[in-house]
Amino acid sequence: MRLGTLALAGWHSRRPHTHVVNGTPIVVLPGVFDPVMTKVGSWLSGVVRELVRPGERWLELGTGSGVVACALARAGALVVATDIDDNAARNTRFNAELLGLQLDVRVGDLYAPVAGERFDGIVANLPFWPGHAAGLPLGRAFAAGADFELLRRFSAGYVDHAPRAYTVLSEAFARFPDARAALGHDARLVRRTRYRGEWLDLFELGQRR
């Protein structure tokens, strides 16, 4: 992720705007991470539809505007979407209502809002910029903590909640090899796509059925 992208994120975070993502209108409210500007969210929302069987129960971590959660629901999944930020949860509920979708949206850190619950699959659109939120536009939406702590916790914790989990990383990010390593040796590259000029990689943890 480039510094110009960070500056643009700050600009976008102050203005509501609407995108059409894979044919679906998505509103991004002020203070919420834009899934199109940084490419990852819009690409992931198209990919997840191929992972889901109708009637399965899925968890999305780091829902942001809800673009991925809404894509899961449109594919027939029963979706719980979580985010650490109240504004993001509010934005996801707004988009779900706009699209006539049923989502269970919760606020909390990573797996905390779903303690003791099981799902058929997990998808996570998590920050992969190392360090802490202070000084970054949209703070927690970019910061993965020291030594990619958030990615490590995601990778270590998914087995308590689902047999498989997915996340995406961008190869345009200078620290991509370190972020990839933070996912652990069990993370497998299952898709690599050139999307709007950027290589995006989907990683799977666990066993695909």
Protein backbone atom coordinates (compact mmCIF):
# COMPACT_ATOMS: atom_id res chain seq x y z
CA MET A 1 0.00 0.00 0.00
CA ARG A 2 1.48 3.34 -1.05
CA LEU A 3 1.57 6.60 0.92
CA GLY A 4 -0.62 8.20 -1.76
CA THR A 5 -3.26 5.59 -0.99
CA LEU A 6 -3.11 6.49 2.69
CA ALA A 7 -3.65 10.18 1.91
CA LEU A 8 -6.54 9.33 -0.40
CA ALA A 9 -8.06 7.16 2.31
CA GLY A 10 -8.06 10.16 4.64
CA TRP A 11 -9.87 12.24 2.02
CA HIS A 12 -12.47 9.54 1.36
CA SER A 13 -13.08 8.96 5.04
CA ARG A 14 -14.63 12.43 5.37
CA ARG A 15 -17.20 12.06 2.57
CA PRO A 16 -20.07 9.63 2.01
CA HIS A 17 -20.01 8.08 -1.45
CA THR A 18 -21.51 5.20 -3.40
CA HIS A 19 -19.86 2.50 -5.52
CA VAL A 20 -21.35 -0.20 -7.68
CA VAL A 21 -19.43 -3.37 -6.80
CA ASN A 22 -20.08 -6.47 -8.91
CA GLY A 23 -23.43 -4.96 -9.86
CA THR A 24 -24.38 -4.11 -6.27
CA PRO A 25 -24.63 -0.53 -4.94
CA ILE A 26 -22.56 -0.04 -1.77
CA VAL A 27 -22.65 3.16 0.27
CA VAL A 28 -19.49 4.09 2.18
CA LEU A 29 -20.20 6.39 5.11
CA PRO A 30 -17.70 8.91 6.56
CA GLY A 31 -15.05 7.31 8.71
CA VAL A 32 -15.39 3.86 7.11
CA PHE A 33 -12.76 2.08 5.03
CA ASP A 34 -13.43 2.29 1.28
CA PRO A 35 -13.46 -1.22 -0.28
CA VAL A 36 -13.01 0.04 -3.84
CA MET A 37 -10.31 2.64 -3.39
CA THR A 38 -7.86 0.04 -2.06
CA LYS A 39 -9.20 -2.73 -4.37
CA VAL A 40 -9.06 -5.59 -1.87
CA GLY A 41 -12.65 -5.42 -0.63
CA SER A 42 -14.24 -5.11 -4.07
CA TRP A 43 -12.18 -8.03 -5.42
CA LEU A 44 -12.88 -10.21 -2.38
CA SER A 45 -16.63 -9.59 -2.64
CA GLY A 46 -16.58 -11.18 -6.09
CA VAL A 47 -14.48 -14.16 -5.03
CA VAL A 48 -16.42 -15.19 -1.91
CA ARG A 49 -19.54 -16.04 -3.89
CA GLU A 50 -17.66 -19.09 -5.22
CA LEU A 51 -16.82 -20.33 -1.72
CA VAL A 52 -20.35 -20.46 -0.30
CA ARG A 53 -23.11 -23.02 -0.44
CA PRO A 54 -26.66 -21.76 0.19
CA GLY A 55 -27.70 -22.24 3.80
CA GLU A 56 -24.16 -22.29 5.21
CA ARG A 57 -23.33 -20.11 8.20
CA TRP A 58 -20.40 -17.75 7.56
CA LEU A 59 -18.49 -15.24 9.64
CA GLU A 60 -16.88 -12.14 8.18
CA LEU A 61 -14.22 -10.39 10.27
CA GLY A 62 -13.46 -6.73 9.60
CA THR A 63 -16.66 -6.06 7.69
CA GLY A 64 -16.11 -2.31 7.10
CA SER A 65 -18.81 -1.11 4.70
CA GLY A 66 -20.28 -4.62 4.52
CA VAL A 67 -19.44 -5.23 0.86
CA VAL A 68 -18.17 -8.78 1.50
CA ALA A 69 -20.86 -9.66 4.05
CA CYS A 70 -23.54 -8.56 1.59
CA ALA A 71 -21.95 -10.67 -1.15
CA LEU A 72 -21.99 -13.70 1.16
CA ALA A 73 -25.67 -13.11 1.97
CA ARG A 74 -26.56 -12.68 -1.71
CA ALA A 75 -24.90 -16.07 -2.33
CA GLY A 76 -27.28 -17.66 0.17
CA ALA A 77 -25.19 -17.74 3.34
CA LEU A 78 -26.40 -16.94 6.84
CA VAL A 79 -23.94 -14.22 7.81
CA VAL A 80 -22.52 -12.84 11.03
CA ALA A 81 -20.38 -9.77 10.30
CA THR A 82 -18.12 -8.16 12.89
CA ASP A 83 -15.92 -5.10 13.14
CA ILE A 84 -14.07 -3.38 15.95
CA ASP A 85 -15.47 -0.02 14.83
CA ASP A 86 -19.02 1.15 15.57
CA ASN A 87 -19.14 3.25 12.39
CA ALA A 88 -18.32 0.21 10.27
CA ALA A 89 -21.06 -1.85 11.93
CA ARG A 90 -23.52 0.97 11.33
CA ASN A 91 -22.44 1.19 7.67
CA THR A 92 -22.86 -2.58 7.19
CA ARG A 93 -26.37 -2.49 8.66
CA PHE A 94 -27.21 0.44 6.38
CA ASN A 95 -26.10 -1.43 3.25
CA ALA A 96 -27.86 -4.63 4.31
CA GLU A 97 -31.11 -2.72 4.74
CA LEU A 98 -30.58 -0.92 1.43
CA LEU A 99 -30.21 -4.28 -0.33
CA GLY A 100 -32.95 -6.08 1.61
CA LEU A 101 -30.50 -8.56 3.18
CA GLN A 102 -30.50 -10.13 6.63
CA LEU A 103 -27.16 -9.78 8.44
CA ASP A 104 -26.24 -10.28 12.08
CA VAL A 105 -23.81 -7.39 12.65
CA ARG A 106 -21.77 -7.21 15.85
CA VAL A 107 -19.07 -4.94 17.28
CA GLY A 108 -15.89 -6.27 18.86
CA ASP A 109 -12.29 -7.34 18.43
CA LEU A 110 -11.78 -10.24 16.02
CA TYR A 111 -13.41 -13.40 17.47
CA ALA A 112 -14.64 -11.83 20.72
CA PRO A 113 -18.21 -11.18 19.46
CA VAL A 114 -18.65 -14.85 18.45
CA ALA A 115 -17.13 -16.65 21.43
CA GLY A 116 -18.25 -20.28 21.50
CA GLU A 117 -19.98 -20.15 18.09
CA ARG A 118 -19.26 -22.35 15.05
CA PHE A 119 -19.49 -21.53 11.35
CA ASP A 120 -19.03 -23.32 8.04
CA GLY A 121 -16.43 -20.78 6.97
CA ILE A 122 -14.74 -17.51 7.84
CA VAL A 123 -13.59 -14.73 5.57
CA ALA A 124 -11.46 -11.87 6.88
CA ASN A 125 -10.71 -8.57 5.19
CA LEU A 126 -8.12 -7.44 7.74
CA PRO A 127 -5.53 -4.64 7.76
CA PHE A 128 -2.01 -5.73 6.85
CA TRP A 129 -0.06 -2.51 7.49
CA PRO A 130 2.31 -3.21 10.42
CA GLY A 131 2.19 -0.95 13.45
CA HIS A 132 -0.52 0.81 15.40
CA ALA A 133 -3.47 3.01 14.50
CA ALA A 134 -2.09 6.35 15.68
CA GLY A 135 -1.23 8.65 12.80
CA LEU A 136 -2.85 6.55 10.06
CA PRO A 137 -6.05 7.68 8.30
CA LEU A 138 -8.90 5.40 9.35
CA GLY A 139 -6.48 4.11 12.03
CA ARG A 140 -7.56 0.60 12.90
CA ALA A 141 -8.67 -0.12 9.33
CA PHE A 142 -5.00 0.00 8.27
CA ALA A 143 -3.06 -1.10 11.37
CA ALA A 144 -2.32 -4.80 11.95
CA GLY A 145 -0.33 -4.18 15.13
CA ALA A 146 3.29 -4.83 15.93
CA ASP A 147 4.72 -7.74 13.90
CA PHE A 148 1.31 -8.22 12.17
CA GLU A 149 -0.25 -9.30 15.46
CA LEU A 150 -3.80 -9.13 14.06
CA LEU A 151 -3.01 -11.53 11.21
CA ARG A 152 -1.35 -13.92 13.66
CA ARG A 153 -4.38 -13.90 15.97
CA PHE A 154 -6.70 -14.48 13.01
CA SER A 155 -4.64 -17.47 11.87
CA ALA A 156 -4.33 -18.97 15.34
CA GLY A 157 -7.99 -18.55 16.30
CA TYR A 158 -10.02 -19.68 13.31
CA VAL A 159 -9.92 -23.39 14.28
CA ASP A 160 -12.10 -22.66 17.32
CA HIS A 161 -14.86 -21.39 15.06
CA ALA A 162 -14.72 -23.00 11.59
CA PRO A 163 -13.01 -25.72 9.55
CA ARG A 164 -11.73 -23.21 7.00
CA ALA A 165 -10.92 -19.52 6.77
CA TYR A 166 -9.85 -17.12 4.04
CA THR A 167 -8.09 -13.79 3.82
CA VAL A 168 -6.53 -11.66 1.10
CA LEU A 169 -3.23 -9.82 0.81
CA SER A 170 -1.95 -7.39 -1.82
CA GLU A 171 1.46 -7.99 -3.39
CA ALA A 172 1.76 -4.23 -4.00
CA PHE A 173 2.44 -3.83 -0.29
CA ALA A 174 6.21 -3.62 0.38
CA ARG A 175 5.93 -5.83 3.48
CA PHE A 176 3.90 -8.50 1.66
CA PRO A 177 6.37 -11.35 2.45
CA ASP A 178 6.21 -10.53 6.16
CA ALA A 179 2.41 -10.33 6.14
CA ARG A 180 2.27 -13.66 4.31
CA ALA A 181 4.58 -15.22 6.90
CA ALA A 182 2.34 -13.94 9.71
CA LEU A 183 -0.47 -16.17 8.40
CA GLY A 184 1.65 -19.24 9.15
CA HIS A 185 2.84 -22.26 7.19
CA ASP A 186 -0.65 -23.76 6.93
CA ALA A 187 -1.99 -20.86 4.86
CA ARG A 188 -2.22 -21.91 1.20
CA LEU A 189 -2.44 -19.63 -1.81
CA VAL A 190 -5.66 -20.62 -3.60
CA ARG A 191 -6.05 -17.71 -6.00
CA ARG A 192 -3.77 -15.04 -7.44
CA THR A 193 -5.38 -12.42 -9.67
CA ARG A 194 -4.24 -9.27 -11.43
CA TYR A 195 -7.01 -6.85 -10.44
CA ARG A 196 -7.01 -3.23 -11.59
CA GLY A 197 -3.23 -3.29 -11.98
CA GLU A 198 -2.47 -5.02 -8.68
CA TRP A 199 -1.75 -8.64 -7.77
CA LEU A 200 -4.14 -9.86 -5.06
CA ASP A 201 -3.73 -13.21 -3.32
CA LEU A 202 -6.42 -15.27 -1.59
CA PHE A 203 -5.13 -17.54 1.18
CA GLU A 204 -6.98 -20.48 2.71
CA LEU A 205 -6.49 -21.98 6.15
CA GLY A 206 -8.02 -25.38 6.88
CA GLN A 207 -9.57 -27.84 4.49
CA ARG A 208 -11.82 -27.01 1.57
CA ARG A 209 -14.74 -29.44 1.23
